[in-house]
Amino acid sequence: MRRTGWAAWAAFLAAFAILEGVNHGAGSWLALVIGLIAPDLSFFAAAGAHEPVRQGQLPRKAVPFYNTAHRTWIPFGLVVAYTLLPVWSPMLFTFLLAWMLHIAIDRVAGYSLRTKEGFIRG
């Protein structure tokens, strides 16, 4: 049931982000692509880590960065702030939608936050 909810949320966010791209042009499309990729850049926080890891395990050094980039309330809170403040930036709004979309897609695929040891929380 949870994955169904995440899938519905992902479908809504995808439609909204695509609408923003259509309405606001190339900059919003670029923001959409960057927003979809950016949360996984947290994997680079493990660059140079020499600890052995098992399959499916994230090096401990990268876990706090990964978990921060994959917490739903962060981009959601920023969207709420964006709507309440006198800011108008379609690219920023599209980026935030794409960030939430990335998280929703991860949840549908079975990926959630990581334990401090680097494994997916079950």
PDB file of N, CA and C in Angstrom:
ATOM      1  N   MET A   1       0.811  -1.191   0.000  1.00  0.00           N
ATOM      2  CA  MET A   1       0.000   0.000   0.000  1.00  0.00           C
ATOM      3  C   MET A   1       0.860   1.263   0.000  1.00  0.00           C
ATOM      4  N   ARG A   2       1.980   1.226   0.723  1.00  0.00           N
ATOM      5  CA  ARG A   2       2.851   2.397   0.756  1.00  0.00           C
ATOM      6  C   ARG A   2       3.408   2.716  -0.629  1.00  0.00           C
ATOM      7  N   ARG A   3       3.838   1.674  -1.336  1.00  0.00           N
ATOM      8  CA  ARG A   3       4.394   1.908  -2.672  1.00  0.00           C
ATOM      9  C   ARG A   3       3.349   2.480  -3.614  1.00  0.00           C
ATOM     10  N   THR A   4       2.106   2.084  -3.450  1.00  0.00           N
ATOM     11  CA  THR A   4       1.033   2.632  -4.281  1.00  0.00           C
ATOM     12  C   THR A   4       0.882   4.125  -4.022  1.00  0.00           C
ATOM     13  N   GLY A   5       0.953   4.517  -2.771  1.00  0.00           N
ATOM     14  CA  GLY A   5       0.886   5.936  -2.422  1.00  0.00           C
ATOM     15  C   GLY A   5       2.050   6.713  -3.004  1.00  0.00           C
ATOM     16  N   TRP A   6       3.244   6.149  -2.888  1.00  0.00           N
ATOM     17  CA  TRP A   6       4.420   6.796  -3.466  1.00  0.00           C
ATOM     18  C   TRP A   6       4.298   6.881  -4.988  1.00  0.00           C
ATOM     19  N   ALA A   7       3.746   5.838  -5.613  1.00  0.00           N
ATOM     20  CA  ALA A   7       3.578   5.845  -7.072  1.00  0.00           C
ATOM     21  C   ALA A   7       2.600   6.933  -7.500  1.00  0.00           C
ATOM     22  N   ALA A   8       1.515   7.091  -6.761  1.00  0.00           N
ATOM     23  CA  ALA A   8       0.548   8.153  -7.077  1.00  0.00           C
ATOM     24  C   ALA A   8       1.191   9.524  -6.905  1.00  0.00           C
ATOM     25  N   TRP A   9       1.954   9.699  -5.835  1.00  0.00           N
ATOM     26  CA  TRP A   9       2.659  10.962  -5.586  1.00  0.00           C
ATOM     27  C   TRP A   9       3.673  11.225  -6.705  1.00  0.00           C
ATOM     28  N   ALA A  10       4.392  10.184  -7.128  1.00  0.00           N
ATOM     29  CA  ALA A  10       5.368  10.329  -8.210  1.00  0.00           C
ATOM     30  C   ALA A  10       4.682  10.720  -9.515  1.00  0.00           C
ATOM     31  N   ALA A  11       3.540  10.117  -9.807  1.00  0.00           N
ATOM     32  CA  ALA A  11       2.808  10.459 -11.037  1.00  0.00           C
ATOM     33  C   ALA A  11       2.365  11.919 -11.006  1.00  0.00           C
ATOM     34  N   PHE A  12       1.856  12.371  -9.862  1.00  0.00           N
ATOM     35  CA  PHE A  12       1.450  13.768  -9.723  1.00  0.00           C
ATOM     36  C   PHE A  12       2.639  14.704  -9.920  1.00  0.00           C
ATOM     37  N   LEU A  13       3.752  14.399  -9.241  1.00  0.00           N
ATOM     38  CA  LEU A  13       4.934  15.257  -9.341  1.00  0.00           C
ATOM     39  C   LEU A  13       5.496  15.275 -10.756  1.00  0.00           C
ATOM     40  N   ALA A  14       5.509  14.119 -11.422  1.00  0.00           N
ATOM     41  CA  ALA A  14       6.005  14.060 -12.802  1.00  0.00           C
ATOM     42  C   ALA A  14       5.150  14.925 -13.713  1.00  0.00           C
ATOM     43  N   ALA A  15       3.835  14.810 -13.581  1.00  0.00           N
ATOM     44  CA  ALA A  15       2.939  15.619 -14.414  1.00  0.00           C
ATOM     45  C   ALA A  15       3.136  17.104 -14.139  1.00  0.00           C
ATOM     46  N   PHE A  16       3.262  17.471 -12.876  1.00  0.00           N
ATOM     47  CA  PHE A  16       3.430  18.877 -12.500  1.00  0.00           C
ATOM     48  C   PHE A  16       4.768  19.408 -13.021  1.00  0.00           C
ATOM     49  N   ALA A  17       5.842  18.628 -12.864  1.00  0.00           N
ATOM     50  CA  ALA A  17       7.163  19.057 -13.321  1.00  0.00           C
ATOM     51  C   ALA A  17       7.200  19.191 -14.841  1.00  0.00           C
ATOM     52  N   ILE A  18       6.571  18.266 -15.552  1.00  0.00           N
ATOM     53  CA  ILE A  18       6.516  18.358 -17.020  1.00  0.00           C
ATOM     54  C   ILE A  18       5.718  19.581 -17.433  1.00  0.00           C
ATOM     55  N   LEU A  19       4.621  19.852 -16.749  1.00  0.00           N
ATOM     56  CA  LEU A  19       3.831  21.048 -17.028  1.00  0.00           C
ATOM     57  C   LEU A  19       4.671  22.310 -16.831  1.00  0.00           C
ATOM     58  N   GLU A  20       5.461  22.339 -15.778  1.00  0.00           N
ATOM     59  CA  GLU A  20       6.343  23.489 -15.543  1.00  0.00           C
ATOM     60  C   GLU A  20       7.356  23.628 -16.679  1.00  0.00           C
ATOM     61  N   GLY A  21       7.900  22.501 -17.145  1.00  0.00           N
ATOM     62  CA  GLY A  21       8.838  22.545 -18.263  1.00  0.00           C
ATOM     63  C   GLY A  21       8.196  23.072 -19.528  1.00  0.00           C
ATOM     64  N   VAL A  22       6.986  22.624 -19.811  1.00  0.00           N
ATOM     65  CA  VAL A  22       6.259  23.083 -20.999  1.00  0.00           C
ATOM     66  C   VAL A  22       5.942  24.573 -20.883  1.00  0.00           C
ATOM     67  N   ASN A  23       5.510  24.999 -19.713  1.00  0.00           N
ATOM     68  CA  ASN A  23       5.111  26.396 -19.527  1.00  0.00           C
ATOM     69  C   ASN A  23       6.275  27.374 -19.493  1.00  0.00           C
ATOM     70  N   HIS A  24       7.447  26.935 -19.003  1.00  0.00           N
ATOM     71  CA  HIS A  24       8.530  27.887 -18.760  1.00  0.00           C
ATOM     72  C   HIS A  24       9.798  27.631 -19.567  1.00  0.00           C
ATOM     73  N   GLY A  25       9.834  26.612 -20.386  1.00  0.00           N
ATOM     74  CA  GLY A  25      10.919  26.449 -21.336  1.00  0.00           C
ATOM     75  C   GLY A  25      12.169  25.749 -20.844  1.00  0.00           C
ATOM     76  N   ALA A  26      13.255  26.012 -21.580  1.00  0.00           N
ATOM     77  CA  ALA A  26      14.504  25.269 -21.442  1.00  0.00           C
ATOM     78  C   ALA A  26      15.084  25.294 -20.035  1.00  0.00           C
ATOM     79  N   GLY A  27      15.035  26.428 -19.373  1.00  0.00           N
ATOM     80  CA  GLY A  27      15.586  26.511 -18.023  1.00  0.00           C
ATOM     81  C   GLY A  27      14.889  25.561 -17.066  1.00  0.00           C
ATOM     82  N   SER A  28      13.583  25.453 -17.213  1.00  0.00           N
ATOM     83  CA  SER A  28      12.832  24.543 -16.340  1.00  0.00           C
ATOM     84  C   SER A  28      13.115  23.087 -16.685  1.00  0.00           C
ATOM     85  N   TRP A  29      13.317  22.793 -17.964  1.00  0.00           N
ATOM     86  CA  TRP A  29      13.672  21.419 -18.344  1.00  0.00           C
ATOM     87  C   TRP A  29      15.032  21.055 -17.758  1.00  0.00           C
ATOM     88  N   LEU A  30      15.966  22.000 -17.813  1.00  0.00           N
ATOM     89  CA  LEU A  30      17.290  21.762 -17.234  1.00  0.00           C
ATOM     90  C   LEU A  30      17.176  21.544 -15.726  1.00  0.00           C
ATOM     91  N   ALA A  31      16.368  22.364 -15.063  1.00  0.00           N
ATOM     92  CA  ALA A  31      16.154  22.215 -13.620  1.00  0.00           C
ATOM     93  C   ALA A  31      15.530  20.862 -13.299  1.00  0.00           C
ATOM     94  N   LEU A  32      14.644  20.390 -14.161  1.00  0.00           N
ATOM     95  CA  LEU A  32      14.010  19.083 -13.973  1.00  0.00           C
ATOM     96  C   LEU A  32      15.059  17.972 -14.014  1.00  0.00           C
ATOM     97  N   VAL A  33      15.923  18.011 -15.001  1.00  0.00           N
ATOM     98  CA  VAL A  33      16.968  16.983 -15.128  1.00  0.00           C
ATOM     99  C   VAL A  33      17.932  17.044 -13.943  1.00  0.00           C
ATOM    100  N   ILE A  34      18.358  18.248 -13.579  1.00  0.00           N
ATOM    101  CA  ILE A  34      19.284  18.397 -12.454  1.00  0.00           C
ATOM    102  C   ILE A  34      18.632  17.927 -11.156  1.00  0.00           C
ATOM    103  N   GLY A  35      17.364  18.273 -10.957  1.00  0.00           N
ATOM    104  CA  GLY A  35      16.657  17.857  -9.749  1.00  0.00           C
ATOM    105  C   GLY A  35      16.494  16.352  -9.645  1.00  0.00           C
ATOM    106  N   LEU A  36      16.377  15.686 -10.785  1.00  0.00           N
ATOM    107  CA  LEU A  36      16.265  14.226 -10.770  1.00  0.00           C
ATOM    108  C   LEU A  36      17.599  13.557 -10.444  1.00  0.00           C
ATOM    109  N   ILE A  37      18.693  14.195 -10.810  1.00  0.00           N
ATOM    110  CA  ILE A  37      20.022  13.615 -10.612  1.00  0.00           C
ATOM    111  C   ILE A  37      20.652  14.030  -9.286  1.00  0.00           C
ATOM    112  N   ALA A  38      20.433  15.262  -8.866  1.00  0.00           N
ATOM    113  CA  ALA A  38      21.145  15.856  -7.730  1.00  0.00           C
ATOM    114  C   ALA A  38      21.143  15.029  -6.441  1.00  0.00           C
ATOM    115  N   PRO A  39      20.022  14.448  -6.012  1.00  0.00           N
ATOM    116  CA  PRO A  39      20.071  13.710  -4.739  1.00  0.00           C
ATOM    117  C   PRO A  39      21.079  12.556  -4.736  1.00  0.00           C
ATOM    118  N   ASP A  40      21.301  11.941  -5.872  1.00  0.00           N
ATOM    119  CA  ASP A  40      22.245  10.825  -5.914  1.00  0.00           C
ATOM    120  C   ASP A  40      23.698  11.276  -6.009  1.00  0.00           C
ATOM    121  N   LEU A  41      23.925  12.565  -6.151  1.00  0.00           N
ATOM    122  CA  LEU A  41      25.299  13.059  -6.109  1.00  0.00           C
ATOM    123  C   LEU A  41      25.887  12.887  -4.712  1.00  0.00           C
ATOM    124  N   SER A  42      25.027  12.619  -3.745  1.00  0.00           N
ATOM    125  CA  SER A  42      25.496  12.364  -2.377  1.00  0.00           C
ATOM    126  C   SER A  42      26.376  11.111  -2.313  1.00  0.00           C
ATOM    127  N   PHE A  43      26.278  10.245  -3.314  1.00  0.00           N
ATOM    128  CA  PHE A  43      27.147   9.065  -3.358  1.00  0.00           C
ATOM    129  C   PHE A  43      28.617   9.473  -3.440  1.00  0.00           C
ATOM    130  N   PHE A  44      28.890  10.628  -4.042  1.00  0.00           N
ATOM    131  CA  PHE A  44      30.274  11.079  -4.180  1.00  0.00           C
ATOM    132  C   PHE A  44      30.899  11.455  -2.843  1.00  0.00           C
ATOM    133  N   ALA A  45      30.090  11.593  -1.803  1.00  0.00           N
ATOM    134  CA  ALA A  45      30.633  11.867  -0.472  1.00  0.00           C
ATOM    135  C   ALA A  45      31.491  10.701   0.006  1.00  0.00           C
ATOM    136  N   ALA A  46      31.308   9.547  -0.604  1.00  0.00           N
ATOM    137  CA  ALA A  46      32.085   8.366  -0.229  1.00  0.00           C
ATOM    138  C   ALA A  46      33.376   8.249  -1.029  1.00  0.00           C
ATOM    139  N   ALA A  47      33.627   9.202  -1.908  1.00  0.00           N
ATOM    140  CA  ALA A  47      34.843   9.140  -2.721  1.00  0.00           C
ATOM    141  C   ALA A  47      36.064   9.094  -1.806  1.00  0.00           C
ATOM    142  N   GLY A  48      36.899   8.163  -2.062  1.00  0.00           N
ATOM    143  CA  GLY A  48      38.107   8.016  -1.267  1.00  0.00           C
ATOM    144  C   GLY A  48      37.928   7.168  -0.017  1.00  0.00           C
ATOM    145  N   ALA A  49      36.720   6.705   0.239  1.00  0.00           N
ATOM    146  CA  ALA A  49      36.494   5.846   1.409  1.00  0.00           C
ATOM    147  C   ALA A  49      37.145   4.490   1.152  1.00  0.00           C
ATOM    148  N   HIS A  50      37.881   4.023   2.118  1.00  0.00           N
ATOM    149  CA  HIS A  50      38.611   2.769   1.938  1.00  0.00           C
ATOM    150  C   HIS A  50      38.016   1.619   2.730  1.00  0.00           C
ATOM    151  N   GLU A  51      36.860   1.842   3.345  1.00  0.00           N
ATOM    152  CA  GLU A  51      36.242   0.763   4.110  1.00  0.00           C
ATOM    153  C   GLU A  51      35.607  -0.253   3.158  1.00  0.00           C
ATOM    154  N   PRO A  52      35.709  -1.530   3.484  1.00  0.00           N
ATOM    155  CA  PRO A  52      35.058  -2.537   2.638  1.00  0.00           C
ATOM    156  C   PRO A  52      33.539  -2.482   2.831  1.00  0.00           C
ATOM    157  N   VAL A  53      32.813  -2.583   1.737  1.00  0.00           N
ATOM    158  CA  VAL A  53      31.349  -2.576   1.810  1.00  0.00           C
ATOM    159  C   VAL A  53      30.811  -3.801   1.082  1.00  0.00           C
ATOM    160  N   ARG A  54      29.642  -4.249   1.539  1.00  0.00           N
ATOM    161  CA  ARG A  54      28.989  -5.380   0.889  1.00  0.00           C
ATOM    162  C   ARG A  54      28.017  -4.857  -0.162  1.00  0.00           C
ATOM    163  N   GLN A  55      27.504  -5.768  -0.971  1.00  0.00           N
ATOM    164  CA  GLN A  55      26.552  -5.385  -2.007  1.00  0.00           C
ATOM    165  C   GLN A  55      25.333  -4.720  -1.368  1.00  0.00           C
ATOM    166  N   GLY A  56      24.935  -3.587  -1.914  1.00  0.00           N
ATOM    167  CA  GLY A  56      23.788  -2.854  -1.400  1.00  0.00           C
ATOM    168  C   GLY A  56      24.108  -1.938  -0.232  1.00  0.00           C
ATOM    169  N   GLN A  57      25.366  -1.934   0.188  1.00  0.00           N
ATOM    170  CA  GLN A  57      25.766  -1.111   1.327  1.00  0.00           C
ATOM    171  C   GLN A  57      26.435   0.162   0.836  1.00  0.00           C
ATOM    172  N   LEU A  58      26.101   1.258   1.457  1.00  0.00           N
ATOM    173  CA  LEU A  58      26.707   2.550   1.163  1.00  0.00           C
ATOM    174  C   LEU A  58      27.805   2.786   2.195  1.00  0.00           C
ATOM    175  N   PRO A  59      28.972   3.280   1.787  1.00  0.00           N
ATOM    176  CA  PRO A  59      30.004   3.563   2.790  1.00  0.00           C
ATOM    177  C   PRO A  59      29.476   4.514   3.871  1.00  0.00           C
ATOM    178  N   ARG A  60      29.867   4.262   5.105  1.00  0.00           N
ATOM    179  CA  ARG A  60      29.354   5.041   6.241  1.00  0.00           C
ATOM    180  C   ARG A  60      29.587   6.536   6.078  1.00  0.00           C
ATOM    181  N   LYS A  61      30.656   6.887   5.429  1.00  0.00           N
ATOM    182  CA  LYS A  61      30.989   8.300   5.228  1.00  0.00           C
ATOM    183  C   LYS A  61      29.900   9.023   4.426  1.00  0.00           C
ATOM    184  N   ALA A  62      29.229   8.318   3.525  1.00  0.00           N
ATOM    185  CA  ALA A  62      28.227   8.931   2.649  1.00  0.00           C
ATOM    186  C   ALA A  62      26.816   8.897   3.226  1.00  0.00           C
ATOM    187  N   VAL A  63      26.575   8.089   4.253  1.00  0.00           N
ATOM    188  CA  VAL A  63      25.212   7.899   4.773  1.00  0.00           C
ATOM    189  C   VAL A  63      24.544   9.202   5.202  1.00  0.00           C
ATOM    190  N   PRO A  64      25.192  10.075   5.993  1.00  0.00           N
ATOM    191  CA  PRO A  64      24.492  11.304   6.397  1.00  0.00           C
ATOM    192  C   PRO A  64      24.116  12.186   5.208  1.00  0.00           C
ATOM    193  N   PHE A  65      24.969  12.239   4.210  1.00  0.00           N
ATOM    194  CA  PHE A  65      24.688  13.054   3.023  1.00  0.00           C
ATOM    195  C   PHE A  65      23.541  12.446   2.218  1.00  0.00           C
ATOM    196  N   TYR A  66      23.585  11.129   2.054  1.00  0.00           N
ATOM    197  CA  TYR A  66      22.528  10.430   1.326  1.00  0.00           C
ATOM    198  C   TYR A  66      21.186  10.624   2.024  1.00  0.00           C
ATOM    199  N   ASN A  67      21.154  10.395   3.329  1.00  0.00           N
ATOM    200  CA  ASN A  67      19.899  10.512   4.073  1.00  0.00           C
ATOM    201  C   ASN A  67      19.358  11.935   4.049  1.00  0.00           C
ATOM    202  N   THR A  68      20.223  12.925   4.125  1.00  0.00           N
ATOM    203  CA  THR A  68      19.768  14.321   4.057  1.00  0.00           C
ATOM    204  C   THR A  68      19.157  14.612   2.693  1.00  0.00           C
ATOM    205  N   ALA A  69      19.795  14.157   1.632  1.00  0.00           N
ATOM    206  CA  ALA A  69      19.301  14.421   0.272  1.00  0.00           C
ATOM    207  C   ALA A  69      18.045  13.625  -0.059  1.00  0.00           C
ATOM    208  N   HIS A  70      17.737  12.607   0.727  1.00  0.00           N
ATOM    209  CA  HIS A  70      16.586  11.746   0.440  1.00  0.00           C
ATOM    210  C   HIS A  70      15.481  11.824   1.494  1.00  0.00           C
ATOM    211  N   ARG A  71      15.470  12.870   2.275  1.00  0.00           N
ATOM    212  CA  ARG A  71      14.374  13.105   3.230  1.00  0.00           C
ATOM    213  C   ARG A  71      13.308  13.937   2.537  1.00  0.00           C
ATOM    214  N   THR A  72      12.112  13.425   2.505  1.00  0.00           N
ATOM    215  CA  THR A  72      11.024  14.065   1.769  1.00  0.00           C
ATOM    216  C   THR A  72      10.685  15.446   2.298  1.00  0.00           C
ATOM    217  N   TRP A  73      10.769  15.641   3.588  1.00  0.00           N
ATOM    218  CA  TRP A  73      10.318  16.900   4.168  1.00  0.00           C
ATOM    219  C   TRP A  73      11.200  18.077   3.776  1.00  0.00           C
ATOM    220  N   ILE A  74      12.439  17.847   3.374  1.00  0.00           N
ATOM    221  CA  ILE A  74      13.317  18.972   3.026  1.00  0.00           C
ATOM    222  C   ILE A  74      12.832  19.666   1.752  1.00  0.00           C
ATOM    223  N   PRO A  75      12.721  18.969   0.602  1.00  0.00           N
ATOM    224  CA  PRO A  75      12.213  19.691  -0.577  1.00  0.00           C
ATOM    225  C   PRO A  75      10.758  20.121  -0.413  1.00  0.00           C
ATOM    226  N   PHE A  76       9.957  19.334   0.321  1.00  0.00           N
ATOM    227  CA  PHE A  76       8.559  19.713   0.543  1.00  0.00           C
ATOM    228  C   PHE A  76       8.486  21.016   1.343  1.00  0.00           C
ATOM    229  N   GLY A  77       9.291  21.112   2.383  1.00  0.00           N
ATOM    230  CA  GLY A  77       9.337  22.339   3.180  1.00  0.00           C
ATOM    231  C   GLY A  77       9.800  23.530   2.365  1.00  0.00           C
ATOM    232  N   LEU A  78      10.753  23.304   1.476  1.00  0.00           N
ATOM    233  CA  LEU A  78      11.226  24.388   0.609  1.00  0.00           C
ATOM    234  C   LEU A  78      10.150  24.817  -0.385  1.00  0.00           C
ATOM    235  N   VAL A  79       9.344  23.873  -0.874  1.00  0.00           N
ATOM    236  CA  VAL A  79       8.222  24.227  -1.761  1.00  0.00           C
ATOM    237  C   VAL A  79       7.200  25.064  -0.996  1.00  0.00           C
ATOM    238  N   VAL A  80       6.914  24.677   0.231  1.00  0.00           N
ATOM    239  CA  VAL A  80       5.976  25.459   1.048  1.00  0.00           C
ATOM    240  C   VAL A  80       6.524  26.866   1.259  1.00  0.00           C
ATOM    241  N   ALA A  81       7.805  26.975   1.609  1.00  0.00           N
ATOM    242  CA  ALA A  81       8.421  28.294   1.792  1.00  0.00           C
ATOM    243  C   ALA A  81       8.380  29.092   0.494  1.00  0.00           C
ATOM    244  N   TYR A  82       8.645  28.427  -0.620  1.00  0.00           N
ATOM    245  CA  TYR A  82       8.612  29.088  -1.931  1.00  0.00           C
ATOM    246  C   TYR A  82       7.234  29.684  -2.207  1.00  0.00           C
ATOM    247  N   THR A  83       6.194  28.945  -1.870  1.00  0.00           N
ATOM    248  CA  THR A  83       4.837  29.435  -2.147  1.00  0.00           C
ATOM    249  C   THR A  83       4.430  30.560  -1.203  1.00  0.00           C
ATOM    250  N   LEU A  84       5.010  30.602  -0.010  1.00  0.00           N
ATOM    251  CA  LEU A  84       4.654  31.638   0.956  1.00  0.00           C
ATOM    252  C   LEU A  84       5.476  32.916   0.810  1.00  0.00           C
ATOM    253  N   LEU A  85       6.663  32.800   0.251  1.00  0.00           N
ATOM    254  CA  LEU A  85       7.541  33.964   0.105  1.00  0.00           C
ATOM    255  C   LEU A  85       7.324  34.630  -1.252  1.00  0.00           C
ATOM    256  N   PRO A  86       7.660  35.912  -1.344  1.00  0.00           N
ATOM    257  CA  PRO A  86       7.496  36.608  -2.627  1.00  0.00           C
ATOM    258  C   PRO A  86       8.644  36.292  -3.596  1.00  0.00           C
ATOM    259  N   VAL A  87       8.732  35.037  -3.979  1.00  0.00           N
ATOM    260  CA  VAL A  87       9.787  34.579  -4.891  1.00  0.00           C
ATOM    261  C   VAL A  87       9.120  34.062  -6.155  1.00  0.00           C
ATOM    262  N   TRP A  88       9.705  34.385  -7.306  1.00  0.00           N
ATOM    263  CA  TRP A  88       9.199  33.830  -8.554  1.00  0.00           C
ATOM    264  C   TRP A  88      10.384  33.322  -9.351  1.00  0.00           C
ATOM    265  N   SER A  89      10.565  32.016  -9.325  1.00  0.00           N
ATOM    266  CA  SER A  89      11.631  31.373 -10.077  1.00  0.00           C
ATOM    267  C   SER A  89      11.130  30.008 -10.526  1.00  0.00           C
ATOM    268  N   PRO A  90      10.609  29.932 -11.748  1.00  0.00           N
ATOM    269  CA  PRO A  90      10.108  28.647 -12.239  1.00  0.00           C
ATOM    270  C   PRO A  90      11.170  27.544 -12.200  1.00  0.00           C
ATOM    271  N   MET A  91      12.434  27.919 -12.434  1.00  0.00           N
ATOM    272  CA  MET A  91      13.490  26.907 -12.416  1.00  0.00           C
ATOM    273  C   MET A  91      13.663  26.329 -11.010  1.00  0.00           C
ATOM    274  N   LEU A  92      13.651  27.170  -9.991  1.00  0.00           N
ATOM    275  CA  LEU A  92      13.776  26.693  -8.615  1.00  0.00           C
ATOM    276  C   LEU A  92      12.597  25.797  -8.249  1.00  0.00           C
ATOM    277  N   PHE A  93      11.401  26.224  -8.598  1.00  0.00           N
ATOM    278  CA  PHE A  93      10.204  25.436  -8.294  1.00  0.00           C
ATOM    279  C   PHE A  93      10.261  24.079  -8.995  1.00  0.00           C
ATOM    280  N   THR A  94      10.665  24.065 -10.260  1.00  0.00           N
ATOM    281  CA  THR A  94      10.770  22.810 -11.011  1.00  0.00           C
ATOM    282  C   THR A  94      11.839  21.911 -10.409  1.00  0.00           C
ATOM    283  N   PHE A  95      12.959  22.501  -9.994  1.00  0.00           N
ATOM    284  CA  PHE A  95      14.018  21.733  -9.340  1.00  0.00           C
ATOM    285  C   PHE A  95      13.487  21.047  -8.084  1.00  0.00           C
ATOM    286  N   LEU A  96      12.734  21.777  -7.274  1.00  0.00           N
ATOM    287  CA  LEU A  96      12.187  21.207  -6.041  1.00  0.00           C
ATOM    288  C   LEU A  96      11.181  20.097  -6.336  1.00  0.00           C
ATOM    289  N   LEU A  97      10.349  20.285  -7.363  1.00  0.00           N
ATOM    290  CA  LEU A  97       9.417  19.222  -7.772  1.00  0.00           C
ATOM    291  C   LEU A  97      10.189  17.975  -8.199  1.00  0.00           C
ATOM    292  N   ALA A  98      11.250  18.176  -8.983  1.00  0.00           N
ATOM    293  CA  ALA A  98      12.049  17.047  -9.466  1.00  0.00           C
ATOM    294  C   ALA A  98      12.759  16.336  -8.318  1.00  0.00           C
ATOM    295  N   TRP A  99      13.217  17.094  -7.333  1.00  0.00           N
ATOM    296  CA  TRP A  99      13.863  16.500  -6.159  1.00  0.00           C
ATOM    297  C   TRP A  99      12.872  15.596  -5.427  1.00  0.00           C
ATOM    298  N   MET A 100      11.654  16.088  -5.220  1.00  0.00           N
ATOM    299  CA  MET A 100      10.628  15.254  -4.583  1.00  0.00           C
ATOM    300  C   MET A 100      10.274  14.058  -5.460  1.00  0.00           C
ATOM    301  N   LEU A 101      10.252  14.249  -6.775  1.00  0.00           N
ATOM    302  CA  LEU A 101       9.971  13.151  -7.697  1.00  0.00           C
ATOM    303  C   LEU A 101      11.038  12.068  -7.583  1.00  0.00           C
ATOM    304  N   HIS A 102      12.297  12.469  -7.503  1.00  0.00           N
ATOM    305  CA  HIS A 102      13.389  11.510  -7.348  1.00  0.00           C
ATOM    306  C   HIS A 102      13.172  10.658  -6.092  1.00  0.00           C
ATOM    307  N   ILE A 103      12.843  11.309  -4.996  1.00  0.00           N
ATOM    308  CA  ILE A 103      12.623  10.590  -3.738  1.00  0.00           C
ATOM    309  C   ILE A 103      11.444   9.628  -3.875  1.00  0.00           C
ATOM    310  N   ALA A 104      10.360  10.086  -4.504  1.00  0.00           N
ATOM    311  CA  ALA A 104       9.178   9.235  -4.686  1.00  0.00           C
ATOM    312  C   ALA A 104       9.507   8.020  -5.555  1.00  0.00           C
ATOM    313  N   ILE A 105      10.270   8.220  -6.620  1.00  0.00           N
ATOM    314  CA  ILE A 105      10.663   7.101  -7.487  1.00  0.00           C
ATOM    315  C   ILE A 105      11.515   6.106  -6.703  1.00  0.00           C
ATOM    316  N   ASP A 106      12.445   6.612  -5.898  1.00  0.00           N
ATOM    317  CA  ASP A 106      13.254   5.721  -5.059  1.00  0.00           C
ATOM    318  C   ASP A 106      12.383   4.885  -4.132  1.00  0.00           C
ATOM    319  N   ARG A 107      11.385   5.508  -3.515  1.00  0.00           N
ATOM    320  CA  ARG A 107      10.512   4.783  -2.582  1.00  0.00           C
ATOM    321  C   ARG A 107       9.691   3.723  -3.317  1.00  0.00           C
ATOM    322  N   VAL A 108       9.223   4.043  -4.517  1.00  0.00           N
ATOM    323  CA  VAL A 108       8.481   3.060  -5.321  1.00  0.00           C
ATOM    324  C   VAL A 108       9.386   1.877  -5.658  1.00  0.00           C
ATOM    325  N   ALA A 109      10.657   2.160  -5.934  1.00  0.00           N
ATOM    326  CA  ALA A 109      11.612   1.109  -6.291  1.00  0.00           C
ATOM    327  C   ALA A 109      12.103   0.324  -5.074  1.00  0.00           C
ATOM    328  N   GLY A 110      11.699   0.736  -3.874  1.00  0.00           N
ATOM    329  CA  GLY A 110      12.096   0.004  -2.678  1.00  0.00           C
ATOM    330  C   GLY A 110      13.293   0.577  -1.953  1.00  0.00           C
ATOM    331  N   TYR A 111      13.777   1.724  -2.389  1.00  0.00           N
ATOM    332  CA  TYR A 111      14.910   2.365  -1.719  1.00  0.00           C
ATOM    333  C   TYR A 111      14.391   3.385  -0.719  1.00  0.00           C
ATOM    334  N   SER A 112      14.902   3.314   0.496  1.00  0.00           N
ATOM    335  CA  SER A 112      14.515   4.303   1.497  1.00  0.00           C
ATOM    336  C   SER A 112      15.796   4.853   2.115  1.00  0.00           C
ATOM    337  N   LEU A 113      15.667   5.476   3.261  1.00  0.00           N
ATOM    338  CA  LEU A 113      16.840   6.008   3.937  1.00  0.00           C
ATOM    339  C   LEU A 113      17.746   4.858   4.362  1.00  0.00           C
ATOM    340  N   ARG A 114      18.982   5.191   4.697  1.00  0.00           N
ATOM    341  CA  ARG A 114      19.972   4.173   5.062  1.00  0.00           C
ATOM    342  C   ARG A 114      20.193   4.137   6.569  1.00  0.00           C
ATOM    343  N   THR A 115      20.555   2.954   7.054  1.00  0.00           N
ATOM    344  CA  THR A 115      20.965   2.832   8.455  1.00  0.00           C
ATOM    345  C   THR A 115      22.356   3.434   8.581  1.00  0.00           C
ATOM    346  N   LYS A 116      22.831   3.628   9.809  1.00  0.00           N
ATOM    347  CA  LYS A 116      24.167   4.215   9.971  1.00  0.00           C
ATOM    348  C   LYS A 116      25.258   3.299   9.418  1.00  0.00           C
ATOM    349  N   GLU A 117      24.931   2.008   9.256  1.00  0.00           N
ATOM    350  CA  GLU A 117      25.888   1.070   8.650  1.00  0.00           C
ATOM    351  C   GLU A 117      25.854   1.129   7.127  1.00  0.00           C
ATOM    352  N   GLY A 118      24.875   1.828   6.555  1.00  0.00           N
ATOM    353  CA  GLY A 118      24.814   2.014   5.113  1.00  0.00           C
ATOM    354  C   GLY A 118      23.834   1.126   4.375  1.00  0.00           C
ATOM    355  N   PHE A 119      23.058   0.326   5.098  1.00  0.00           N
ATOM    356  CA  PHE A 119      22.084  -0.544   4.448  1.00  0.00           C
ATOM    357  C   PHE A 119      20.727   0.140   4.362  1.00  0.00           C
ATOM    358  N   ILE A 120      19.903  -0.282   3.410  1.00  0.00           N
ATOM    359  CA  ILE A 120      18.556   0.263   3.260  1.00  0.00           C
ATOM    360  C   ILE A 120      17.737  -0.127   4.479  1.00  0.00           C
ATOM    361  N   ARG A 121      17.038   0.853   5.034  1.00  0.00           N
ATOM    362  CA  ARG A 121      16.178   0.569   6.189  1.00  0.00           C
ATOM    363  C   ARG A 121      15.019  -0.303   5.745  1.00  0.00           C
ATOM    364  N   GLY A 122      14.731  -1.315   6.520  1.00  0.00           N
ATOM    365  CA  GLY A 122      13.689  -2.259   6.141  1.00  0.00           C
ATOM    366  C   GLY A 122      12.427  -1.971   6.813  1.00  0.00           C
TER     367      GLY A 122
END
